[in-house]
PDB file of N, CA and C in Angstrom:
ATOM      1  N   MET A   1     -10.310   2.485  19.313  1.00  0.00           N
ATOM      2  CA  MET A   1      -9.583   1.312  18.842  1.00  0.00           C
ATOM      3  C   MET A   1      -9.847   1.036  17.368  1.00  0.00           C
ATOM      4  N   LYS A   2     -11.033   1.420  16.875  1.00  0.00           N
ATOM      5  CA  LYS A   2     -11.357   1.171  15.480  1.00  0.00           C
ATOM      6  C   LYS A   2     -10.377   1.880  14.547  1.00  0.00           C
ATOM      7  N   ALA A   3      -9.899   3.049  14.941  1.00  0.00           N
ATOM      8  CA  ALA A   3      -8.939   3.789  14.127  1.00  0.00           C
ATOM      9  C   ALA A   3      -7.629   2.999  14.032  1.00  0.00           C
ATOM     10  N   PHE A   4      -7.167   2.422  15.148  1.00  0.00           N
ATOM     11  CA  PHE A   4      -5.945   1.654  15.154  1.00  0.00           C
ATOM     12  C   PHE A   4      -6.087   0.385  14.331  1.00  0.00           C
ATOM     13  N   TYR A   5      -7.215  -0.309  14.484  1.00  0.00           N
ATOM     14  CA  TYR A   5      -7.453  -1.515  13.676  1.00  0.00           C
ATOM     15  C   TYR A   5      -7.479  -1.180  12.194  1.00  0.00           C
ATOM     16  N   THR A   6      -8.154  -0.097  11.853  1.00  0.00           N
ATOM     17  CA  THR A   6      -8.247   0.321  10.455  1.00  0.00           C
ATOM     18  C   THR A   6      -6.883   0.609   9.883  1.00  0.00           C
ATOM     19  N   ILE A   7      -6.106   1.424  10.582  1.00  0.00           N
ATOM     20  CA  ILE A   7      -4.769   1.787  10.073  1.00  0.00           C
ATOM     21  C   ILE A   7      -3.853   0.580  10.044  1.00  0.00           C
ATOM     22  N   GLY A   8      -3.903  -0.269  11.042  1.00  0.00           N
ATOM     23  CA  GLY A   8      -3.082  -1.485  11.043  1.00  0.00           C
ATOM     24  C   GLY A   8      -3.413  -2.410   9.864  1.00  0.00           C
ATOM     25  N   LEU A   9      -4.695  -2.613   9.621  1.00  0.00           N
ATOM     26  CA  LEU A   9      -5.117  -3.447   8.484  1.00  0.00           C
ATOM     27  C   LEU A   9      -4.722  -2.805   7.149  1.00  0.00           C
ATOM     28  N   LEU A  10      -4.819  -1.480   7.084  1.00  0.00           N
ATOM     29  CA  LEU A  10      -4.415  -0.802   5.857  1.00  0.00           C
ATOM     30  C   LEU A  10      -2.922  -0.947   5.597  1.00  0.00           C
ATOM     31  N   ILE A  11      -2.115  -0.904   6.662  1.00  0.00           N
ATOM     32  CA  ILE A  11      -0.675  -1.089   6.499  1.00  0.00           C
ATOM     33  C   ILE A  11      -0.391  -2.506   5.975  1.00  0.00           C
ATOM     34  N   VAL A  12      -0.981  -3.508   6.627  1.00  0.00           N
ATOM     35  CA  VAL A  12      -0.780  -4.897   6.204  1.00  0.00           C
ATOM     36  C   VAL A  12      -1.241  -5.088   4.771  1.00  0.00           C
ATOM     37  N   SER A  13      -2.407  -4.559   4.426  1.00  0.00           N
ATOM     38  CA  SER A  13      -2.919  -4.734   3.080  1.00  0.00           C
ATOM     39  C   SER A  13      -2.005  -4.087   2.055  1.00  0.00           C
ATOM     40  N   ASN A  14      -1.450  -2.932   2.391  1.00  0.00           N
ATOM     41  CA  ASN A  14      -0.566  -2.254   1.448  1.00  0.00           C
ATOM     42  C   ASN A  14       0.768  -2.956   1.286  1.00  0.00           C
ATOM     43  N   VAL A  15       1.232  -3.609   2.333  1.00  0.00           N
ATOM     44  CA  VAL A  15       2.463  -4.419   2.189  1.00  0.00           C
ATOM     45  C   VAL A  15       2.203  -5.531   1.185  1.00  0.00           C
ATOM     46  N   PHE A  16       1.080  -6.237   1.326  1.00  0.00           N
ATOM     47  CA  PHE A  16       0.740  -7.289   0.371  1.00  0.00           C
ATOM     48  C   PHE A  16       0.588  -6.729  -1.042  1.00  0.00           C
ATOM     49  N   MET A  17      -0.120  -5.615  -1.173  1.00  0.00           N
ATOM     50  CA  MET A  17      -0.372  -5.065  -2.500  1.00  0.00           C
ATOM     51  C   MET A  17       0.913  -4.593  -3.172  1.00  0.00           C
ATOM     52  N   THR A  18       1.789  -4.006  -2.407  1.00  0.00           N
ATOM     53  CA  THR A  18       3.070  -3.558  -2.986  1.00  0.00           C
ATOM     54  C   THR A  18       3.844  -4.754  -3.510  1.00  0.00           C
ATOM     55  N   PHE A  19       3.846  -5.846  -2.756  1.00  0.00           N
ATOM     56  CA  PHE A  19       4.503  -7.067  -3.248  1.00  0.00           C
ATOM     57  C   PHE A  19       3.784  -7.623  -4.479  1.00  0.00           C
ATOM     58  N   ALA A  20       2.452  -7.545  -4.496  1.00  0.00           N
ATOM     59  CA  ALA A  20       1.703  -8.050  -5.652  1.00  0.00           C
ATOM     60  C   ALA A  20       2.024  -7.226  -6.897  1.00  0.00           C
ATOM     61  N   TRP A  21       2.110  -5.904  -6.731  1.00  0.00           N
ATOM     62  CA  TRP A  21       2.344  -5.019  -7.877  1.00  0.00           C
ATOM     63  C   TRP A  21       3.790  -5.011  -8.337  1.00  0.00           C
ATOM     64  N   TYR A  22       4.729  -5.003  -7.394  1.00  0.00           N
ATOM     65  CA  TYR A  22       6.135  -4.774  -7.746  1.00  0.00           C
ATOM     66  C   TYR A  22       7.089  -5.878  -7.349  1.00  0.00           C
ATOM     67  N   GLY A  23       6.655  -6.796  -6.502  1.00  0.00           N
ATOM     68  CA  GLY A  23       7.534  -7.874  -6.053  1.00  0.00           C
ATOM     69  C   GLY A  23       8.017  -8.767  -7.174  1.00  0.00           C
ATOM     70  N   HIS A  24       7.173  -8.967  -8.161  1.00  0.00           N
ATOM     71  CA  HIS A  24       7.573  -9.833  -9.282  1.00  0.00           C
ATOM     72  C   HIS A  24       8.774  -9.263 -10.047  1.00  0.00           C
ATOM     73  N   LEU A  25       8.972  -7.958 -10.009  1.00  0.00           N
ATOM     74  CA  LEU A  25      10.131  -7.368 -10.673  1.00  0.00           C
ATOM     75  C   LEU A  25      11.420  -7.773  -9.987  1.00  0.00           C
ATOM     76  N   LYS A  26      11.394  -7.838  -8.668  1.00  0.00           N
ATOM     77  CA  LYS A  26      12.564  -8.272  -7.906  1.00  0.00           C
ATOM     78  C   LYS A  26      12.756  -9.782  -8.027  1.00  0.00           C
ATOM     79  N   LEU A  27      11.655 -10.533  -7.935  1.00  0.00           N
ATOM     80  CA  LEU A  27      11.747 -11.982  -8.047  1.00  0.00           C
ATOM     81  C   LEU A  27      12.319 -12.397  -9.395  1.00  0.00           C
ATOM     82  N   ARG A  28      12.008 -11.665 -10.413  1.00  0.00           N
ATOM     83  CA  ARG A  28      12.537 -11.965 -11.754  1.00  0.00           C
ATOM     84  C   ARG A  28      14.057 -11.841 -11.779  1.00  0.00           C
ATOM     85  N   GLN A  29      14.570 -10.854 -11.027  1.00  0.00           N
ATOM     86  CA  GLN A  29      16.012 -10.642 -10.960  1.00  0.00           C
ATOM     87  C   GLN A  29      16.711 -11.722 -10.108  1.00  0.00           C
ATOM     88  N   GLU A  30      16.011 -12.218  -9.098  1.00  0.00           N
ATOM     89  CA  GLU A  30      16.616 -13.114  -8.110  1.00  0.00           C
ATOM     90  C   GLU A  30      16.511 -14.593  -8.468  1.00  0.00           C
ATOM     91  N   PHE A  31      15.439 -15.006  -9.110  1.00  0.00           N
ATOM     92  CA  PHE A  31      15.190 -16.432  -9.329  1.00  0.00           C
ATOM     93  C   PHE A  31      14.967 -16.718 -10.810  1.00  0.00           C
ATOM     94  N   SER A  32      15.757 -17.602 -11.361  1.00  0.00           N
ATOM     95  CA  SER A  32      15.642 -17.932 -12.787  1.00  0.00           C
ATOM     96  C   SER A  32      14.310 -18.609 -13.096  1.00  0.00           C
ATOM     97  N   TRP A  33      13.801 -19.426 -12.170  1.00  0.00           N
ATOM     98  CA  TRP A  33      12.525 -20.109 -12.415  1.00  0.00           C
ATOM     99  C   TRP A  33      11.390 -19.095 -12.539  1.00  0.00           C
ATOM    100  N   PHE A  34      11.499 -18.017 -11.751  1.00  0.00           N
ATOM    101  CA  PHE A  34      10.443 -16.991 -11.800  1.00  0.00           C
ATOM    102  C   PHE A  34      10.550 -16.190 -13.095  1.00  0.00           C
ATOM    103  N   ALA A  35      11.776 -15.946 -13.518  1.00  0.00           N
ATOM    104  CA  ALA A  35      12.007 -15.181 -14.745  1.00  0.00           C
ATOM    105  C   ALA A  35      11.456 -15.935 -15.964  1.00  0.00           C
ATOM    106  N   SER A  36      11.417 -17.258 -15.880  1.00  0.00           N
ATOM    107  CA  SER A  36      10.943 -18.048 -17.014  1.00  0.00           C
ATOM    108  C   SER A  36       9.435 -18.234 -17.018  1.00  0.00           C
ATOM    109  N   LEU A  37       8.740 -17.755 -15.992  1.00  0.00           N
ATOM    110  CA  LEU A  37       7.276 -17.864 -15.979  1.00  0.00           C
ATOM    111  C   LEU A  37       6.667 -17.028 -17.086  1.00  0.00           C
ATOM    112  N   PRO A  38       5.640 -17.540 -17.750  1.00  0.00           N
ATOM    113  CA  PRO A  38       4.944 -16.700 -18.719  1.00  0.00           C
ATOM    114  C   PRO A  38       4.172 -15.615 -17.978  1.00  0.00           C
ATOM    115  N   LEU A  39       3.764 -14.594 -18.687  1.00  0.00           N
ATOM    116  CA  LEU A  39       3.060 -13.466 -18.082  1.00  0.00           C
ATOM    117  C   LEU A  39       1.835 -13.918 -17.304  1.00  0.00           C
ATOM    118  N   ILE A  40       1.088 -14.885 -17.818  1.00  0.00           N
ATOM    119  CA  ILE A  40      -0.113 -15.348 -17.102  1.00  0.00           C
ATOM    120  C   ILE A  40       0.258 -15.956 -15.756  1.00  0.00           C
ATOM    121  N   GLY A  41       1.432 -16.592 -15.657  1.00  0.00           N
ATOM    122  CA  GLY A  41       1.908 -17.135 -14.390  1.00  0.00           C
ATOM    123  C   GLY A  41       2.231 -16.034 -13.403  1.00  0.00           C
ATOM    124  N   VAL A  42       2.848 -14.970 -13.884  1.00  0.00           N
ATOM    125  CA  VAL A  42       3.177 -13.832 -13.032  1.00  0.00           C
ATOM    126  C   VAL A  42       1.878 -13.147 -12.548  1.00  0.00           C
ATOM    127  N   ILE A  43       0.928 -13.012 -13.469  1.00  0.00           N
ATOM    128  CA  ILE A  43      -0.357 -12.411 -13.094  1.00  0.00           C
ATOM    129  C   ILE A  43      -1.062 -13.255 -12.035  1.00  0.00           C
ATOM    130  N   THR A  44      -1.066 -14.558 -12.209  1.00  0.00           N
ATOM    131  CA  THR A  44      -1.690 -15.449 -11.232  1.00  0.00           C
ATOM    132  C   THR A  44      -0.989 -15.349  -9.882  1.00  0.00           C
ATOM    133  N   PHE A  45       0.323 -15.306  -9.896  1.00  0.00           N
ATOM    134  CA  PHE A  45       1.106 -15.157  -8.670  1.00  0.00           C
ATOM    135  C   PHE A  45       0.709 -13.852  -7.965  1.00  0.00           C
ATOM    136  N   SER A  46       0.623 -12.763  -8.742  1.00  0.00           N
ATOM    137  CA  SER A  46       0.260 -11.464  -8.158  1.00  0.00           C
ATOM    138  C   SER A  46      -1.183 -11.462  -7.647  1.00  0.00           C
ATOM    139  N   TRP A  47      -2.074 -12.123  -8.332  1.00  0.00           N
ATOM    140  CA  TRP A  47      -3.475 -12.211  -7.883  1.00  0.00           C
ATOM    141  C   TRP A  47      -3.570 -12.949  -6.538  1.00  0.00           C
ATOM    142  N   ALA A  48      -2.759 -13.980  -6.400  1.00  0.00           N
ATOM    143  CA  ALA A  48      -2.777 -14.720  -5.112  1.00  0.00           C
ATOM    144  C   ALA A  48      -2.366 -13.812  -3.969  1.00  0.00           C
ATOM    145  N   ILE A  49      -1.359 -12.992  -4.209  1.00  0.00           N
ATOM    146  CA  ILE A  49      -0.938 -12.041  -3.173  1.00  0.00           C
ATOM    147  C   ILE A  49      -2.006 -10.968  -2.971  1.00  0.00           C
ATOM    148  N   ALA A  50      -2.606 -10.505  -4.073  1.00  0.00           N
ATOM    149  CA  ALA A  50      -3.641  -9.487  -3.972  1.00  0.00           C
ATOM    150  C   ALA A  50      -4.851  -9.985  -3.188  1.00  0.00           C
ATOM    151  N   PHE A  51      -5.127 -11.279  -3.229  1.00  0.00           N
ATOM    152  CA  PHE A  51      -6.221 -11.818  -2.426  1.00  0.00           C
ATOM    153  C   PHE A  51      -5.965 -11.537  -0.943  1.00  0.00           C
ATOM    154  N   LEU A  52      -4.714 -11.707  -0.513  1.00  0.00           N
ATOM    155  CA  LEU A  52      -4.383 -11.416   0.881  1.00  0.00           C
ATOM    156  C   LEU A  52      -4.545  -9.929   1.178  1.00  0.00           C
ATOM    157  N   GLU A  53      -4.221  -9.095   0.191  1.00  0.00           N
ATOM    158  CA  GLU A  53      -4.400  -7.661   0.348  1.00  0.00           C
ATOM    159  C   GLU A  53      -5.868  -7.325   0.561  1.00  0.00           C
ATOM    160  N   TYR A  54      -6.731  -7.879  -0.256  1.00  0.00           N
ATOM    161  CA  TYR A  54      -8.169  -7.612  -0.131  1.00  0.00           C
ATOM    162  C   TYR A  54      -8.729  -8.165   1.170  1.00  0.00           C
ATOM    163  N   SER A  55      -8.124  -9.239   1.665  1.00  0.00           N
ATOM    164  CA  SER A  55      -8.573  -9.825   2.930  1.00  0.00           C
ATOM    165  C   SER A  55      -8.317  -8.896   4.107  1.00  0.00           C
ATOM    166  N   CYS A  56      -7.450  -7.914   3.925  1.00  0.00           N
ATOM    167  CA  CYS A  56      -7.190  -6.901   4.965  1.00  0.00           C
ATOM    168  C   CYS A  56      -7.831  -5.561   4.599  1.00  0.00           C
ATOM    169  N   GLN A  57      -7.824  -5.225   3.325  1.00  0.00           N
ATOM    170  CA  GLN A  57      -8.336  -3.916   2.875  1.00  0.00           C
ATOM    171  C   GLN A  57      -9.834  -3.777   3.117  1.00  0.00           C
ATOM    172  N   VAL A  58     -10.579  -4.792   2.745  1.00  0.00           N
ATOM    173  CA  VAL A  58     -12.048  -4.728   2.878  1.00  0.00           C
ATOM    174  C   VAL A  58     -12.451  -4.589   4.354  1.00  0.00           C
ATOM    175  N   PRO A  59     -11.921  -5.428   5.251  1.00  0.00           N
ATOM    176  CA  PRO A  59     -12.278  -5.233   6.673  1.00  0.00           C
ATOM    177  C   PRO A  59     -11.828  -3.863   7.203  1.00  0.00           C
ATOM    178  N   ALA A  60     -10.671  -3.376   6.763  1.00  0.00           N
ATOM    179  CA  ALA A  60     -10.204  -2.067   7.213  1.00  0.00           C
ATOM    180  C   ALA A  60     -11.213  -0.993   6.845  1.00  0.00           C
ATOM    181  N   ASN A  61     -11.699  -1.028   5.619  1.00  0.00           N
ATOM    182  CA  ASN A  61     -12.676  -0.023   5.189  1.00  0.00           C
ATOM    183  C   ASN A  61     -14.000  -0.174   5.917  1.00  0.00           C
ATOM    184  N   ARG A  62     -14.413  -1.394   6.154  1.00  0.00           N
ATOM    185  CA  ARG A  62     -15.675  -1.606   6.870  1.00  0.00           C
ATOM    186  C   ARG A  62     -15.591  -1.151   8.320  1.00  0.00           C
ATOM    187  N   ILE A  63     -14.466  -1.448   8.973  1.00  0.00           N
ATOM    188  CA  ILE A  63     -14.280  -1.048  10.359  1.00  0.00           C
ATOM    189  C   ILE A  63     -14.129   0.470  10.484  1.00  0.00           C
ATOM    190  N   GLY A  64     -13.385   1.065   9.542  1.00  0.00           N
ATOM    191  CA  GLY A  64     -13.054   2.467   9.642  1.00  0.00           C
ATOM    192  C   GLY A  64     -14.099   3.447   9.148  1.00  0.00           C
ATOM    193  N   PHE A  65     -15.011   3.004   8.316  1.00  0.00           N
ATOM    194  CA  PHE A  65     -15.975   3.899   7.669  1.00  0.00           C
ATOM    195  C   PHE A  65     -17.022   4.387   8.664  1.00  0.00           C
ATOM    196  N   ALA A  66     -17.221   5.694   8.701  1.00  0.00           N
ATOM    197  CA  ALA A  66     -18.181   6.308   9.626  1.00  0.00           C
ATOM    198  C   ALA A  66     -19.584   5.758   9.444  1.00  0.00           C
ATOM    199  N   GLY A  67     -19.943   5.415   8.223  1.00  0.00           N
ATOM    200  CA  GLY A  67     -21.270   4.860   7.964  1.00  0.00           C
ATOM    201  C   GLY A  67     -21.494   3.514   8.615  1.00  0.00           C
ATOM    202  N   ASN A  68     -20.421   2.862   9.021  1.00  0.00           N
ATOM    203  CA  ASN A  68     -20.497   1.572   9.720  1.00  0.00           C
ATOM    204  C   ASN A  68     -20.119   1.718  11.196  1.00  0.00           C
ATOM    205  N   GLY A  69     -20.084   2.949  11.675  1.00  0.00           N
ATOM    206  CA  GLY A  69     -19.732   3.171  13.084  1.00  0.00           C
ATOM    207  C   GLY A  69     -18.258   3.430  13.319  1.00  0.00           C
ATOM    208  N   GLY A  70     -17.489   3.560  12.242  1.00  0.00           N
ATOM    209  CA  GLY A  70     -16.049   3.833  12.368  1.00  0.00           C
ATOM    210  C   GLY A  70     -15.777   5.317  12.512  1.00  0.00           C
ATOM    211  N   PRO A  71     -14.495   5.670  12.690  1.00  0.00           N
ATOM    212  CA  PRO A  71     -14.145   7.067  12.948  1.00  0.00           C
ATOM    213  C   PRO A  71     -13.857   7.913  11.705  1.00  0.00           C
ATOM    214  N   PHE A  72     -13.841   7.315  10.495  1.00  0.00           N
ATOM    215  CA  PHE A  72     -13.375   8.052   9.316  1.00  0.00           C
ATOM    216  C   PHE A  72     -14.446   8.193   8.238  1.00  0.00           C
ATOM    217  N   SER A  73     -14.438   9.355   7.579  1.00  0.00           N
ATOM    218  CA  SER A  73     -15.269   9.529   6.392  1.00  0.00           C
ATOM    219  C   SER A  73     -14.616   8.756   5.252  1.00  0.00           C
ATOM    220  N   LEU A  74     -15.343   8.598   4.174  1.00  0.00           N
ATOM    221  CA  LEU A  74     -14.797   7.903   3.013  1.00  0.00           C
ATOM    222  C   LEU A  74     -13.564   8.623   2.464  1.00  0.00           C
ATOM    223  N   MET A  75     -13.628   9.955   2.398  1.00  0.00           N
ATOM    224  CA  MET A  75     -12.502  10.745   1.910  1.00  0.00           C
ATOM    225  C   MET A  75     -11.300  10.576   2.825  1.00  0.00           C
ATOM    226  N   GLN A  76     -11.502  10.582   4.116  1.00  0.00           N
ATOM    227  CA  GLN A  76     -10.403  10.406   5.053  1.00  0.00           C
ATOM    228  C   GLN A  76      -9.779   9.009   4.909  1.00  0.00           C
ATOM    229  N   LEU A  77     -10.608   7.992   4.763  1.00  0.00           N
ATOM    230  CA  LEU A  77     -10.085   6.639   4.546  1.00  0.00           C
ATOM    231  C   LEU A  77      -9.188   6.580   3.323  1.00  0.00           C
ATOM    232  N   LYS A  78      -9.619   7.214   2.260  1.00  0.00           N
ATOM    233  CA  LYS A  78      -8.853   7.164   1.003  1.00  0.00           C
ATOM    234  C   LYS A  78      -7.509   7.896   1.139  1.00  0.00           C
ATOM    235  N   VAL A  79      -7.511   9.048   1.779  1.00  0.00           N
ATOM    236  CA  VAL A  79      -6.266   9.789   1.951  1.00  0.00           C
ATOM    237  C   VAL A  79      -5.306   9.012   2.870  1.00  0.00           C
ATOM    238  N   ILE A  80      -5.843   8.443   3.951  1.00  0.00           N
ATOM    239  CA  ILE A  80      -5.005   7.616   4.819  1.00  0.00           C
ATOM    240  C   ILE A  80      -4.391   6.464   4.031  1.00  0.00           C
ATOM    241  N   GLN A  81      -5.204   5.816   3.220  1.00  0.00           N
ATOM    242  CA  GLN A  81      -4.730   4.673   2.426  1.00  0.00           C
ATOM    243  C   GLN A  81      -3.638   5.111   1.450  1.00  0.00           C
ATOM    244  N   GLU A  82      -3.795   6.255   0.829  1.00  0.00           N
ATOM    245  CA  GLU A  82      -2.798   6.721  -0.141  1.00  0.00           C
ATOM    246  C   GLU A  82      -1.482   7.054   0.557  1.00  0.00           C
ATOM    247  N   VAL A  83      -1.547   7.668   1.717  1.00  0.00           N
ATOM    248  CA  VAL A  83      -0.316   7.977   2.451  1.00  0.00           C
ATOM    249  C   VAL A  83       0.372   6.684   2.857  1.00  0.00           C
ATOM    250  N   ILE A  84      -0.389   5.726   3.351  1.00  0.00           N
ATOM    251  CA  ILE A  84       0.203   4.438   3.725  1.00  0.00           C
ATOM    252  C   ILE A  84       0.786   3.754   2.510  1.00  0.00           C
ATOM    253  N   THR A  85       0.090   3.778   1.383  1.00  0.00           N
ATOM    254  CA  THR A  85       0.594   3.152   0.157  1.00  0.00           C
ATOM    255  C   THR A  85       1.931   3.725  -0.247  1.00  0.00           C
ATOM    256  N   LEU A  86       2.025   5.032  -0.267  1.00  0.00           N
ATOM    257  CA  LEU A  86       3.291   5.665  -0.701  1.00  0.00           C
ATOM    258  C   LEU A  86       4.406   5.454   0.323  1.00  0.00           C
ATOM    259  N   THR A  87       4.066   5.406   1.585  1.00  0.00           N
ATOM    260  CA  THR A  87       5.066   5.133   2.609  1.00  0.00           C
ATOM    261  C   THR A  87       5.600   3.706   2.483  1.00  0.00           C
ATOM    262  N   VAL A  88       4.686   2.748   2.362  1.00  0.00           N
ATOM    263  CA  VAL A  88       5.087   1.340   2.199  1.00  0.00           C
ATOM    264  C   VAL A  88       5.894   1.183   0.918  1.00  0.00           C
ATOM    265  N   PHE A  89       5.448   1.814  -0.168  1.00  0.00           N
ATOM    266  CA  PHE A  89       6.170   1.722  -1.438  1.00  0.00           C
ATOM    267  C   PHE A  89       7.594   2.294  -1.311  1.00  0.00           C
ATOM    268  N   THR A  90       7.739   3.407  -0.616  1.00  0.00           N
ATOM    269  CA  THR A  90       9.050   4.013  -0.458  1.00  0.00           C
ATOM    270  C   THR A  90       9.992   3.096   0.313  1.00  0.00           C
ATOM    271  N   VAL A  91       9.486   2.515   1.398  1.00  0.00           N
ATOM    272  CA  VAL A  91      10.305   1.574   2.172  1.00  0.00           C
ATOM    273  C   VAL A  91      10.660   0.368   1.314  1.00  0.00           C
ATOM    274  N   PHE A  92       9.669  -0.175   0.609  1.00  0.00           N
ATOM    275  CA  PHE A  92       9.889  -1.339  -0.255  1.00  0.00           C
ATOM    276  C   PHE A  92      10.947  -1.043  -1.313  1.00  0.00           C
ATOM    277  N   THR A  93      10.836   0.100  -1.944  1.00  0.00           N
ATOM    278  CA  THR A  93      11.757   0.466  -3.028  1.00  0.00           C
ATOM    279  C   THR A  93      13.183   0.633  -2.522  1.00  0.00           C
ATOM    280  N   THR A  94      13.333   1.311  -1.399  1.00  0.00           N
ATOM    281  CA  THR A  94      14.683   1.553  -0.902  1.00  0.00           C
ATOM    282  C   THR A  94      15.319   0.304  -0.311  1.00  0.00           C
ATOM    283  N   VAL A  95      14.518  -0.633   0.188  1.00  0.00           N
ATOM    284  CA  VAL A  95      15.056  -1.867   0.776  1.00  0.00           C
ATOM    285  C   VAL A  95      15.339  -2.911  -0.301  1.00  0.00           C
ATOM    286  N   PHE A  96      14.386  -3.143  -1.189  1.00  0.00           N
ATOM    287  CA  PHE A  96      14.514  -4.234  -2.151  1.00  0.00           C
ATOM    288  C   PHE A  96      15.160  -3.838  -3.481  1.00  0.00           C
ATOM    289  N   PHE A  97      15.051  -2.589  -3.856  1.00  0.00           N
ATOM    290  CA  PHE A  97      15.650  -2.125  -5.102  1.00  0.00           C
ATOM    291  C   PHE A  97      16.717  -1.102  -4.755  1.00  0.00           C
ATOM    292  N   LYS A  98      17.916  -1.600  -4.514  1.00  0.00           N
ATOM    293  CA  LYS A  98      19.003  -0.749  -4.036  1.00  0.00           C
ATOM    294  C   LYS A  98      19.360   0.365  -4.995  1.00  0.00           C
ATOM    295  N   GLY A  99      19.088   0.232  -6.278  1.00  0.00           N
ATOM    296  CA  GLY A  99      19.436   1.259  -7.260  1.00  0.00           C
ATOM    297  C   GLY A  99      18.515   2.478  -7.219  1.00  0.00           C
ATOM    298  N   GLU A 100      17.389   2.341  -6.539  1.00  0.00           N
ATOM    299  CA  GLU A 100      16.439   3.444  -6.431  1.00  0.00           C
ATOM    300  C   GLU A 100      16.814   4.324  -5.248  1.00  0.00           C
ATOM    301  N   ALA A 101      16.914   5.606  -5.478  1.00  0.00           N
ATOM    302  CA  ALA A 101      17.290   6.522  -4.403  1.00  0.00           C
ATOM    303  C   ALA A 101      16.191   7.575  -4.215  1.00  0.00           C
ATOM    304  N   LEU A 102      16.112   8.084  -3.001  1.00  0.00           N
ATOM    305  CA  LEU A 102      15.189   9.178  -2.720  1.00  0.00           C
ATOM    306  C   LEU A 102      15.879  10.495  -3.031  1.00  0.00           C
ATOM    307  N   HIS A 103      15.119  11.413  -3.595  1.00  0.00           N
ATOM    308  CA  HIS A 103      15.638  12.724  -3.948  1.00  0.00           C
ATOM    309  C   HIS A 103      14.799  13.788  -3.268  1.00  0.00           C
ATOM    310  N   TRP A 104      15.211  15.027  -3.378  1.00  0.00           N
ATOM    311  CA  TRP A 104      14.530  16.127  -2.698  1.00  0.00           C
ATOM    312  C   TRP A 104      13.067  16.229  -3.104  1.00  0.00           C
ATOM    313  N   ASN A 105      12.789  15.951  -4.376  1.00  0.00           N
ATOM    314  CA  ASN A 105      11.401  16.077  -4.834  1.00  0.00           C
ATOM    315  C   ASN A 105      10.491  14.995  -4.216  1.00  0.00           C
ATOM    316  N   HIS A 106      11.070  13.844  -3.872  1.00  0.00           N
ATOM    317  CA  HIS A 106      10.288  12.812  -3.173  1.00  0.00           C
ATOM    318  C   HIS A 106       9.902  13.300  -1.785  1.00  0.00           C
ATOM    319  N   PHE A 107      10.854  13.940  -1.108  1.00  0.00           N
ATOM    320  CA  PHE A 107      10.555  14.478   0.217  1.00  0.00           C
ATOM    321  C   PHE A 107       9.530  15.614   0.125  1.00  0.00           C
ATOM    322  N   ALA A 108       9.634  16.428  -0.916  1.00  0.00           N
ATOM    323  CA  ALA A 108       8.637  17.502  -1.130  1.00  0.00           C
ATOM    324  C   ALA A 108       7.261  16.888  -1.341  1.00  0.00           C
ATOM    325  N   ALA A 109       7.186  15.788  -2.065  1.00  0.00           N
ATOM    326  CA  ALA A 109       5.908  15.110  -2.279  1.00  0.00           C
ATOM    327  C   ALA A 109       5.339  14.595  -0.961  1.00  0.00           C
ATOM    328  N   PHE A 110       6.193  14.081  -0.084  1.00  0.00           N
ATOM    329  CA  PHE A 110       5.728  13.629   1.215  1.00  0.00           C
ATOM    330  C   PHE A 110       5.178  14.777   2.058  1.00  0.00           C
ATOM    331  N   VAL A 111       5.805  15.925   1.967  1.00  0.00           N
ATOM    332  CA  VAL A 111       5.304  17.083   2.676  1.00  0.00           C
ATOM    333  C   VAL A 111       3.906  17.438   2.145  1.00  0.00           C
ATOM    334  N   CYS A 112       3.720  17.345   0.833  1.00  0.00           N
ATOM    335  CA  CYS A 112       2.395  17.597   0.264  1.00  0.00           C
ATOM    336  C   CYS A 112       1.367  16.589   0.778  1.00  0.00           C
ATOM    337  N   LEU A 113       1.789  15.343   0.960  1.00  0.00           N
ATOM    338  CA  LEU A 113       0.873  14.330   1.523  1.00  0.00           C
ATOM    339  C   LEU A 113       0.494  14.655   2.948  1.00  0.00           C
ATOM    340  N   ILE A 114       1.432  15.158   3.721  1.00  0.00           N
ATOM    341  CA  ILE A 114       1.132  15.542   5.073  1.00  0.00           C
ATOM    342  C   ILE A 114       0.101  16.663   5.069  1.00  0.00           C
ATOM    343  N   PHE A 115       0.248  17.614   4.150  1.00  0.00           N
ATOM    344  CA  PHE A 115      -0.752  18.673   4.018  1.00  0.00           C
ATOM    345  C   PHE A 115      -2.101  18.097   3.577  1.00  0.00           C
ATOM    346  N   ALA A 116      -2.069  17.082   2.709  1.00  0.00           N
ATOM    347  CA  ALA A 116      -3.333  16.458   2.270  1.00  0.00           C
ATOM    348  C   ALA A 116      -4.066  15.872   3.451  1.00  0.00           C
ATOM    349  N   VAL A 117      -3.326  15.179   4.314  1.00  0.00           N
ATOM    350  CA  VAL A 117      -3.941  14.590   5.518  1.00  0.00           C
ATOM    351  C   VAL A 117      -4.490  15.697   6.404  1.00  0.00           C
ATOM    352  N   TYR A 118      -3.717  16.746   6.577  1.00  0.00           N
ATOM    353  CA  TYR A 118      -4.177  17.866   7.399  1.00  0.00           C
ATOM    354  C   TYR A 118      -5.481  18.451   6.853  1.00  0.00           C
ATOM    355  N   PHE A 119      -5.502  18.711   5.556  1.00  0.00           N
ATOM    356  CA  PHE A 119      -6.684  19.327   4.970  1.00  0.00           C
ATOM    357  C   PHE A 119      -7.906  18.422   4.977  1.00  0.00           C
ATOM    358  N   VAL A 120      -7.704  17.129   4.774  1.00  0.00           N
ATOM    359  CA  VAL A 120      -8.861  16.229   4.744  1.00  0.00           C
ATOM    360  C   VAL A 120      -9.469  16.037   6.128  1.00  0.00           C
ATOM    361  N   PHE A 121      -8.675  16.254   7.162  1.00  0.00           N
ATOM    362  CA  PHE A 121      -9.199  16.119   8.529  1.00  0.00           C
ATOM    363  C   PHE A 121      -9.638  17.455   9.129  1.00  0.00           C
ATOM    364  N   MET A 122      -9.472  18.553   8.381  1.00  0.00           N
ATOM    365  CA  MET A 122      -9.929  19.864   8.867  1.00  0.00           C
ATOM    366  C   MET A 122     -11.450  19.873   8.956  1.00  0.00           C
ATOM    367  N   LYS A 123     -11.935  20.516   9.963  1.00  0.00           N
ATOM    368  CA  LYS A 123     -13.393  20.643  10.146  1.00  0.00           C
ATOM    369  C   LYS A 123     -13.886  21.874   9.426  1.00  0.00           C
TER     370      LYS A 123
END
């Protein structure tokens, strides 16, 4: 169950982080009040979202890390997190930014990520 909790928390944390990093770009297009915020306001807004990300990321790493009784090595945790990050980002980009399209090289990169997961879990 620790593996499922870890991966679930990593997914939630990456949804928050993707919004913290890139959501402000969409909000700027959609809301005039947000577009008029100074940079420090946008940074503060993103930090507030990032706090939610850390509230999931830190427990995910603690639960999942083998040194704490979890099922994953540190390297495995990082590769899992990167795959989740890029998957969440791809969904976010295609849903919220309609002008962004997936191309063959993006799919090739995902295949490389699958190989990365395979290799990091090899004994």
